[in-house]
Amino acid sequence: MTITATTDAASQTSPSTPAPASEAVQAPRAGRPSRRTFTAEYKRRIVAEYDQAPAGQKGRVLRREGLYDSSVKQWRAQIEAGTLGRVSTKKPRAGLPPEQARIAELEKQIGKLEADAARKDKVIADRDAALEVMGKGVAFLEALSKKNKG
């Protein structure tokens, strides 16, 4: 956890003191970094540079660009699949009416419960099979002990 102390004039004003009119109201996430986006040409260039780098020097490319090797691997897979730079044809999901949203939620819940029931049925079947084997083993041992006594 990092704790920072600020000493600017805005932080030294008391809660009862109104903020100056010149201060702009900022969004809650205004000071946070935003997600970076890369062009297809940049991705191709970095993948090529990374692949051509000698062993032990690939990390230098990643550090210089501020990237992770997983990004380069993902971009390489997109290049090989021919999907790098394509615009997605998926349309964003529109908000469903409350009834439809509830139906979708309940259908999802039913699917989970059915999968859980199937898993439990398999466990019960496995235990029944184990009990059957144990029963046969006990019967065999009883038969042996009767044979040895008589």
N, C-alpha and C. Protein backbone atom coordinates (compact mmCIF):
# COMPACT_ATOMS: atom_id res chain seq x y z
N MET A 1 0.86 -1.16 0.00
CA MET A 1 0.00 0.00 0.00
C MET A 1 0.90 1.23 0.00
N THR A 2 0.58 2.22 -0.79
CA THR A 2 1.36 3.44 -0.87
C THR A 2 0.54 4.59 -0.31
N ILE A 3 1.17 5.35 0.56
CA ILE A 3 0.50 6.52 1.13
C ILE A 3 1.27 7.74 0.65
N THR A 4 0.54 8.69 0.11
CA THR A 4 1.19 9.91 -0.37
C THR A 4 0.66 11.09 0.40
N ALA A 5 1.51 12.03 0.62
CA ALA A 5 1.11 13.25 1.31
C ALA A 5 1.16 14.39 0.32
N THR A 6 0.13 15.20 0.31
CA THR A 6 0.11 16.35 -0.59
C THR A 6 0.25 17.61 0.24
N THR A 7 0.90 18.58 -0.35
CA THR A 7 1.10 19.84 0.36
C THR A 7 0.62 21.03 -0.44
N ASP A 8 -0.19 20.78 -1.46
CA ASP A 8 -0.66 21.92 -2.24
C ASP A 8 -1.73 22.68 -1.46
N ALA A 9 -2.05 23.83 -1.92
CA ALA A 9 -2.98 24.71 -1.22
C ALA A 9 -4.38 24.12 -1.15
N ALA A 10 -4.78 23.36 -2.16
CA ALA A 10 -6.13 22.80 -2.18
C ALA A 10 -6.32 21.79 -1.06
N SER A 11 -5.27 21.04 -0.72
CA SER A 11 -5.42 20.03 0.32
C SER A 11 -5.33 20.63 1.71
N GLN A 12 -4.86 21.85 1.84
CA GLN A 12 -4.72 22.47 3.14
C GLN A 12 -5.93 23.29 3.54
N THR A 13 -6.92 23.39 2.66
CA THR A 13 -8.12 24.14 3.02
C THR A 13 -8.97 23.28 3.91
N SER A 14 -9.67 23.90 4.82
CA SER A 14 -10.51 23.15 5.75
C SER A 14 -11.80 22.75 5.05
N PRO A 15 -12.50 21.71 5.56
CA PRO A 15 -13.74 21.27 4.91
C PRO A 15 -14.81 22.36 4.85
N SER A 16 -14.78 23.28 5.80
CA SER A 16 -15.80 24.32 5.79
C SER A 16 -15.49 25.43 4.79
N THR A 17 -14.23 25.50 4.32
CA THR A 17 -13.84 26.52 3.36
C THR A 17 -14.27 26.09 1.97
N PRO A 18 -15.06 26.90 1.28
CA PRO A 18 -15.49 26.50 -0.07
C PRO A 18 -14.31 26.50 -1.03
N ALA A 19 -14.36 25.62 -1.99
CA ALA A 19 -13.31 25.54 -2.99
C ALA A 19 -13.38 26.75 -3.90
N PRO A 20 -12.23 27.23 -4.35
CA PRO A 20 -12.23 28.38 -5.27
C PRO A 20 -12.98 28.05 -6.56
N ALA A 21 -13.58 29.04 -7.15
CA ALA A 21 -14.38 28.85 -8.36
C ALA A 21 -13.52 28.42 -9.53
N SER A 22 -12.22 28.71 -9.49
CA SER A 22 -11.35 28.38 -10.62
C SER A 22 -11.02 26.89 -10.67
N GLU A 23 -11.21 26.16 -9.55
CA GLU A 23 -10.91 24.73 -9.56
C GLU A 23 -12.00 23.98 -10.31
N ALA A 24 -11.61 23.15 -11.24
CA ALA A 24 -12.57 22.37 -12.02
C ALA A 24 -12.90 21.10 -11.25
N VAL A 25 -14.12 20.68 -11.34
CA VAL A 25 -14.54 19.44 -10.70
C VAL A 25 -14.07 18.30 -11.60
N GLN A 26 -13.33 17.36 -11.02
CA GLN A 26 -12.78 16.26 -11.80
C GLN A 26 -13.60 15.00 -11.58
N ALA A 27 -13.58 14.16 -12.58
CA ALA A 27 -14.23 12.86 -12.48
C ALA A 27 -13.48 12.02 -11.45
N PRO A 28 -14.13 11.03 -10.86
CA PRO A 28 -13.48 10.22 -9.84
C PRO A 28 -12.21 9.52 -10.30
N ARG A 29 -12.10 9.17 -11.57
CA ARG A 29 -10.93 8.46 -12.07
C ARG A 29 -10.05 9.35 -12.93
N ALA A 30 -10.14 10.63 -12.76
CA ALA A 30 -9.43 11.58 -13.63
C ALA A 30 -7.92 11.42 -13.55
N GLY A 31 -7.36 11.18 -12.38
CA GLY A 31 -5.92 11.12 -12.24
C GLY A 31 -5.33 9.76 -12.57
N ARG A 32 -6.14 8.78 -12.88
CA ARG A 32 -5.65 7.43 -13.12
C ARG A 32 -5.26 7.25 -14.57
N PRO A 33 -4.29 6.39 -14.83
CA PRO A 33 -3.89 6.17 -16.23
C PRO A 33 -4.99 5.46 -17.01
N SER A 34 -5.03 5.74 -18.29
CA SER A 34 -6.05 5.11 -19.14
C SER A 34 -5.42 3.93 -19.87
N ARG A 35 -6.25 3.05 -20.38
CA ARG A 35 -5.78 1.87 -21.10
C ARG A 35 -5.14 2.31 -22.41
N ARG A 36 -3.98 1.74 -22.69
CA ARG A 36 -3.30 2.08 -23.93
C ARG A 36 -3.89 1.28 -25.08
N THR A 37 -3.90 1.88 -26.25
CA THR A 37 -4.33 1.17 -27.44
C THR A 37 -3.20 1.24 -28.45
N PHE A 38 -3.06 0.18 -29.24
CA PHE A 38 -1.96 0.09 -30.20
C PHE A 38 -2.53 -0.17 -31.58
N THR A 39 -1.90 0.41 -32.58
CA THR A 39 -2.33 0.18 -33.95
C THR A 39 -1.83 -1.19 -34.41
N ALA A 40 -2.43 -1.70 -35.47
CA ALA A 40 -2.02 -2.99 -36.01
C ALA A 40 -0.58 -2.92 -36.52
N GLU A 41 -0.21 -1.79 -37.11
CA GLU A 41 1.16 -1.64 -37.62
C GLU A 41 2.17 -1.69 -36.47
N TYR A 42 1.86 -1.04 -35.35
CA TYR A 42 2.73 -1.05 -34.18
C TYR A 42 2.90 -2.48 -33.66
N LYS A 43 1.79 -3.20 -33.57
CA LYS A 43 1.83 -4.57 -33.07
C LYS A 43 2.70 -5.45 -33.95
N ARG A 44 2.53 -5.30 -35.29
CA ARG A 44 3.33 -6.10 -36.22
C ARG A 44 4.82 -5.75 -36.09
N ARG A 45 5.11 -4.47 -35.94
CA ARG A 45 6.50 -4.03 -35.82
C ARG A 45 7.13 -4.59 -34.55
N ILE A 46 6.41 -4.53 -33.44
CA ILE A 46 6.95 -5.01 -32.16
C ILE A 46 7.14 -6.52 -32.19
N VAL A 47 6.18 -7.25 -32.76
CA VAL A 47 6.31 -8.71 -32.84
C VAL A 47 7.53 -9.07 -33.69
N ALA A 48 7.71 -8.38 -34.81
CA ALA A 48 8.86 -8.66 -35.67
C ALA A 48 10.17 -8.33 -34.95
N GLU A 49 10.22 -7.21 -34.26
CA GLU A 49 11.42 -6.81 -33.53
C GLU A 49 11.71 -7.80 -32.40
N TYR A 50 10.67 -8.23 -31.71
CA TYR A 50 10.82 -9.18 -30.61
C TYR A 50 11.33 -10.52 -31.12
N ASP A 51 10.78 -10.98 -32.26
CA ASP A 51 11.20 -12.26 -32.82
C ASP A 51 12.63 -12.21 -33.34
N GLN A 52 13.07 -11.05 -33.82
CA GLN A 52 14.42 -10.94 -34.37
C GLN A 52 15.46 -10.68 -33.30
N ALA A 53 15.04 -10.31 -32.11
CA ALA A 53 15.99 -10.03 -31.03
C ALA A 53 16.70 -11.32 -30.63
N PRO A 54 18.01 -11.25 -30.39
CA PRO A 54 18.73 -12.45 -29.97
C PRO A 54 18.29 -12.88 -28.56
N ALA A 55 18.57 -14.13 -28.24
CA ALA A 55 18.22 -14.66 -26.91
C ALA A 55 18.85 -13.77 -25.84
N GLY A 56 18.10 -13.46 -24.84
CA GLY A 56 18.58 -12.60 -23.76
C GLY A 56 18.32 -11.13 -23.99
N GLN A 57 17.92 -10.74 -25.19
CA GLN A 57 17.67 -9.34 -25.49
C GLN A 57 16.19 -9.05 -25.71
N LYS A 58 15.36 -10.07 -25.66
CA LYS A 58 13.93 -9.88 -25.88
C LYS A 58 13.31 -9.04 -24.77
N GLY A 59 13.79 -9.24 -23.55
CA GLY A 59 13.29 -8.47 -22.42
C GLY A 59 13.55 -6.99 -22.57
N ARG A 60 14.66 -6.64 -23.23
CA ARG A 60 15.00 -5.23 -23.44
C ARG A 60 13.93 -4.55 -24.30
N VAL A 61 13.45 -5.27 -25.33
CA VAL A 61 12.40 -4.72 -26.20
C VAL A 61 11.14 -4.49 -25.37
N LEU A 62 10.78 -5.48 -24.54
CA LEU A 62 9.57 -5.37 -23.73
C LEU A 62 9.67 -4.22 -22.74
N ARG A 63 10.82 -4.10 -22.07
CA ARG A 63 10.99 -3.01 -21.09
C ARG A 63 10.94 -1.65 -21.75
N ARG A 64 11.58 -1.53 -22.91
CA ARG A 64 11.60 -0.25 -23.62
C ARG A 64 10.19 0.20 -23.99
N GLU A 65 9.35 -0.77 -24.40
CA GLU A 65 8.00 -0.45 -24.83
C GLU A 65 6.99 -0.50 -23.70
N GLY A 66 7.40 -1.02 -22.53
CA GLY A 66 6.48 -1.13 -21.40
C GLY A 66 5.41 -2.19 -21.65
N LEU A 67 5.83 -3.32 -22.22
CA LEU A 67 4.90 -4.39 -22.58
C LEU A 67 5.23 -5.65 -21.80
N TYR A 68 4.33 -6.61 -21.87
CA TYR A 68 4.53 -7.93 -21.31
C TYR A 68 4.65 -8.93 -22.45
N ASP A 69 5.33 -10.04 -22.19
CA ASP A 69 5.49 -11.03 -23.24
C ASP A 69 4.15 -11.65 -23.63
N SER A 70 3.18 -11.66 -22.72
CA SER A 70 1.87 -12.21 -23.05
C SER A 70 1.19 -11.38 -24.14
N SER A 71 1.42 -10.08 -24.14
CA SER A 71 0.85 -9.23 -25.19
C SER A 71 1.45 -9.59 -26.55
N VAL A 72 2.76 -9.78 -26.57
CA VAL A 72 3.43 -10.12 -27.83
C VAL A 72 2.95 -11.49 -28.32
N LYS A 73 2.80 -12.44 -27.39
CA LYS A 73 2.32 -13.77 -27.78
C LYS A 73 0.90 -13.68 -28.34
N GLN A 74 0.06 -12.87 -27.72
CA GLN A 74 -1.31 -12.70 -28.20
C GLN A 74 -1.31 -12.06 -29.58
N TRP A 75 -0.50 -11.04 -29.77
CA TRP A 75 -0.43 -10.37 -31.07
C TRP A 75 0.09 -11.33 -32.14
N ARG A 76 1.09 -12.16 -31.80
CA ARG A 76 1.63 -13.12 -32.75
C ARG A 76 0.53 -14.10 -33.16
N ALA A 77 -0.25 -14.57 -32.21
CA ALA A 77 -1.35 -15.49 -32.52
C ALA A 77 -2.38 -14.82 -33.42
N GLN A 78 -2.66 -13.54 -33.18
CA GLN A 78 -3.61 -12.82 -34.03
C GLN A 78 -3.06 -12.66 -35.45
N ILE A 79 -1.76 -12.41 -35.55
CA ILE A 79 -1.14 -12.28 -36.88
C ILE A 79 -1.24 -13.61 -37.61
N GLU A 80 -0.89 -14.70 -36.93
CA GLU A 80 -0.94 -16.02 -37.57
C GLU A 80 -2.35 -16.41 -37.96
N ALA A 81 -3.33 -16.01 -37.16
CA ALA A 81 -4.73 -16.34 -37.47
C ALA A 81 -5.33 -15.38 -38.50
N GLY A 82 -4.63 -14.29 -38.76
CA GLY A 82 -5.13 -13.31 -39.72
C GLY A 82 -6.21 -12.41 -39.16
N THR A 83 -6.28 -12.29 -37.85
CA THR A 83 -7.33 -11.47 -37.24
C THR A 83 -6.80 -10.15 -36.70
N LEU A 84 -5.51 -9.91 -36.78
CA LEU A 84 -4.97 -8.66 -36.25
C LEU A 84 -5.42 -7.50 -37.13
N GLY A 85 -6.00 -6.50 -36.52
CA GLY A 85 -6.43 -5.31 -37.24
C GLY A 85 -7.85 -5.37 -37.74
N ARG A 86 -8.50 -6.51 -37.61
CA ARG A 86 -9.90 -6.60 -38.03
C ARG A 86 -10.79 -5.92 -37.01
N VAL A 87 -11.80 -5.29 -37.51
CA VAL A 87 -12.78 -4.66 -36.65
C VAL A 87 -13.79 -5.72 -36.25
N SER A 88 -14.10 -5.77 -34.99
CA SER A 88 -15.06 -6.76 -34.50
C SER A 88 -16.43 -6.49 -35.09
N THR A 89 -17.10 -7.57 -35.50
CA THR A 89 -18.44 -7.43 -36.06
C THR A 89 -19.50 -7.65 -35.00
N LYS A 90 -19.08 -7.97 -33.79
CA LYS A 90 -20.05 -8.16 -32.71
C LYS A 90 -20.66 -6.82 -32.34
N LYS A 91 -21.95 -6.82 -32.20
CA LYS A 91 -22.62 -5.61 -31.77
C LYS A 91 -22.70 -5.61 -30.25
N PRO A 92 -22.54 -4.46 -29.64
CA PRO A 92 -22.67 -4.45 -28.19
C PRO A 92 -24.09 -4.82 -27.78
N ARG A 93 -24.17 -5.54 -26.67
CA ARG A 93 -25.49 -5.96 -26.20
C ARG A 93 -26.26 -4.76 -25.67
N ALA A 94 -27.44 -4.63 -26.18
CA ALA A 94 -28.31 -3.56 -25.68
C ALA A 94 -28.86 -3.99 -24.33
N GLY A 95 -29.25 -3.05 -23.53
CA GLY A 95 -29.83 -3.36 -22.24
C GLY A 95 -31.15 -4.11 -22.43
N LEU A 96 -31.27 -5.21 -21.71
CA LEU A 96 -32.50 -6.00 -21.81
C LEU A 96 -33.56 -5.42 -20.89
N PRO A 97 -34.81 -5.62 -21.26
CA PRO A 97 -35.87 -5.23 -20.34
C PRO A 97 -35.73 -6.04 -19.05
N PRO A 98 -36.20 -5.53 -17.94
CA PRO A 98 -36.01 -6.23 -16.66
C PRO A 98 -36.52 -7.66 -16.67
N GLU A 99 -37.65 -7.91 -17.35
CA GLU A 99 -38.19 -9.28 -17.38
C GLU A 99 -37.24 -10.21 -18.13
N GLN A 100 -36.71 -9.75 -19.27
CA GLN A 100 -35.79 -10.57 -20.06
C GLN A 100 -34.48 -10.80 -19.31
N ALA A 101 -34.01 -9.78 -18.61
CA ALA A 101 -32.79 -9.93 -17.82
C ALA A 101 -32.99 -10.96 -16.72
N ARG A 102 -34.16 -10.95 -16.07
CA ARG A 102 -34.46 -11.92 -15.01
C ARG A 102 -34.55 -13.32 -15.59
N ILE A 103 -35.18 -13.45 -16.77
CA ILE A 103 -35.27 -14.76 -17.42
C ILE A 103 -33.87 -15.29 -17.74
N ALA A 104 -33.02 -14.45 -18.28
CA ALA A 104 -31.66 -14.87 -18.61
C ALA A 104 -30.91 -15.29 -17.35
N GLU A 105 -31.07 -14.53 -16.27
CA GLU A 105 -30.42 -14.86 -15.01
C GLU A 105 -30.91 -16.21 -14.48
N LEU A 106 -32.22 -16.44 -14.55
CA LEU A 106 -32.78 -17.70 -14.07
C LEU A 106 -32.34 -18.88 -14.94
N GLU A 107 -32.27 -18.68 -16.27
CA GLU A 107 -31.80 -19.75 -17.14
C GLU A 107 -30.35 -20.10 -16.85
N LYS A 108 -29.55 -19.09 -16.57
CA LYS A 108 -28.15 -19.34 -16.21
C LYS A 108 -28.07 -20.12 -14.90
N GLN A 109 -28.89 -19.74 -13.94
CA GLN A 109 -28.92 -20.43 -12.66
C GLN A 109 -29.38 -21.88 -12.83
N ILE A 110 -30.38 -22.12 -13.68
CA ILE A 110 -30.86 -23.48 -13.95
C ILE A 110 -29.73 -24.32 -14.55
N GLY A 111 -28.99 -23.75 -15.48
CA GLY A 111 -27.87 -24.46 -16.09
C GLY A 111 -26.83 -24.87 -15.06
N LYS A 112 -26.51 -23.95 -14.14
CA LYS A 112 -25.54 -24.27 -13.09
C LYS A 112 -26.07 -25.37 -12.18
N LEU A 113 -27.36 -25.29 -11.81
CA LEU A 113 -27.94 -26.31 -10.94
C LEU A 113 -27.99 -27.67 -11.62
N GLU A 114 -28.31 -27.70 -12.92
CA GLU A 114 -28.33 -28.96 -13.64
C GLU A 114 -26.93 -29.57 -13.72
N ALA A 115 -25.92 -28.74 -13.96
CA ALA A 115 -24.54 -29.24 -14.00
C ALA A 115 -24.13 -29.77 -12.64
N ASP A 116 -24.52 -29.07 -11.59
CA ASP A 116 -24.21 -29.51 -10.23
C ASP A 116 -24.90 -30.84 -9.92
N ALA A 117 -26.15 -30.97 -10.32
CA ALA A 117 -26.89 -32.22 -10.09
C ALA A 117 -26.26 -33.38 -10.86
N ALA A 118 -25.82 -33.13 -12.08
CA ALA A 118 -25.17 -34.18 -12.88
C ALA A 118 -23.87 -34.62 -12.23
N ARG A 119 -23.12 -33.66 -11.70
CA ARG A 119 -21.86 -33.98 -11.01
C ARG A 119 -22.14 -34.82 -9.78
N LYS A 120 -23.16 -34.45 -9.02
CA LYS A 120 -23.50 -35.20 -7.81
C LYS A 120 -24.01 -36.60 -8.16
N ASP A 121 -24.77 -36.73 -9.24
CA ASP A 121 -25.23 -38.05 -9.68
C ASP A 121 -24.05 -38.95 -10.02
N LYS A 122 -23.03 -38.38 -10.64
CA LYS A 122 -21.84 -39.16 -10.98
C LYS A 122 -21.12 -39.61 -9.72
N VAL A 123 -21.02 -38.75 -8.72
CA VAL A 123 -20.38 -39.11 -7.46
C VAL A 123 -21.16 -40.24 -6.79
N ILE A 124 -22.47 -40.14 -6.79
CA ILE A 124 -23.31 -41.18 -6.18
C ILE A 124 -23.12 -42.51 -6.92
N ALA A 125 -23.10 -42.46 -8.25
CA ALA A 125 -22.90 -43.68 -9.04
C ALA A 125 -21.54 -44.31 -8.75
N ASP A 126 -20.51 -43.49 -8.62
CA ASP A 126 -19.18 -44.00 -8.30
C ASP A 126 -19.16 -44.65 -6.92
N ARG A 127 -19.83 -44.03 -5.97
CA ARG A 127 -19.88 -44.61 -4.61
C ARG A 127 -20.68 -45.90 -4.60
N ASP A 128 -21.78 -45.95 -5.35
CA ASP A 128 -22.56 -47.19 -5.43
C ASP A 128 -21.72 -48.31 -6.03
N ALA A 129 -20.94 -47.99 -7.06
CA ALA A 129 -20.08 -49.01 -7.68
C ALA A 129 -19.03 -49.49 -6.68
N ALA A 130 -18.47 -48.57 -5.91
CA ALA A 130 -17.47 -48.95 -4.90
C ALA A 130 -18.11 -49.83 -3.83
N LEU A 131 -19.32 -49.51 -3.39
CA LEU A 131 -20.01 -50.33 -2.38
C LEU A 131 -20.31 -51.72 -2.93
N GLU A 132 -20.69 -51.80 -4.20
CA GLU A 132 -20.96 -53.09 -4.81
C GLU A 132 -19.70 -53.95 -4.83
N VAL A 133 -18.57 -53.35 -5.19
CA VAL A 133 -17.30 -54.08 -5.19
C VAL A 133 -16.95 -54.53 -3.78
N MET A 134 -17.15 -53.64 -2.80
CA MET A 134 -16.85 -54.01 -1.42
C MET A 134 -17.77 -55.14 -0.95
N GLY A 135 -19.04 -55.09 -1.35
CA GLY A 135 -19.98 -56.16 -0.98
C GLY A 135 -19.54 -57.50 -1.55
N LYS A 136 -19.10 -57.50 -2.79
CA LYS A 136 -18.61 -58.73 -3.42
C LYS A 136 -17.37 -59.23 -2.71
N GLY A 137 -16.52 -58.33 -2.30
CA GLY A 137 -15.30 -58.70 -1.57
C GLY A 137 -15.64 -59.34 -0.23
N VAL A 138 -16.59 -58.75 0.48
CA VAL A 138 -17.01 -59.29 1.78
C VAL A 138 -17.63 -60.67 1.58
N ALA A 139 -18.47 -60.83 0.57
CA ALA A 139 -19.09 -62.12 0.29
C ALA A 139 -18.03 -63.17 -0.04
N PHE A 140 -17.01 -62.76 -0.79
CA PHE A 140 -15.93 -63.68 -1.13
C PHE A 140 -15.17 -64.12 0.12
N LEU A 141 -14.86 -63.14 0.99
CA LEU A 141 -14.14 -63.48 2.22
C LEU A 141 -14.98 -64.38 3.12
N GLU A 142 -16.28 -64.15 3.21
CA GLU A 142 -17.15 -65.00 4.01
C GLU A 142 -17.18 -66.42 3.45
N ALA A 143 -17.23 -66.53 2.12
CA ALA A 143 -17.23 -67.84 1.50
C ALA A 143 -15.92 -68.57 1.78
N LEU A 144 -14.82 -67.85 1.75
CA LEU A 144 -13.52 -68.47 2.05
C LEU A 144 -13.45 -68.93 3.50
N SER A 145 -13.96 -68.11 4.42
CA SER A 145 -13.88 -68.48 5.82
C SER A 145 -14.77 -69.69 6.12
N LYS A 146 -15.93 -69.80 5.46
CA LYS A 146 -16.81 -70.96 5.65
C LYS A 146 -16.15 -72.21 5.06
N LYS A 147 -15.46 -72.05 3.96
CA LYS A 147 -14.80 -73.16 3.30
C LYS A 147 -13.66 -73.69 4.16
N ASN A 148 -12.91 -72.77 4.81
CA ASN A 148 -11.79 -73.17 5.65
C ASN A 148 -12.27 -73.79 6.94
N LYS A 149 -13.44 -73.41 7.49
CA LYS A 149 -13.96 -73.97 8.74
C LYS A 149 -14.55 -75.36 8.51
N GLY A 150 -15.12 -75.59 7.41
CA GLY A 150 -15.88 -76.81 7.22
C GLY A 150 -15.22 -77.82 6.42
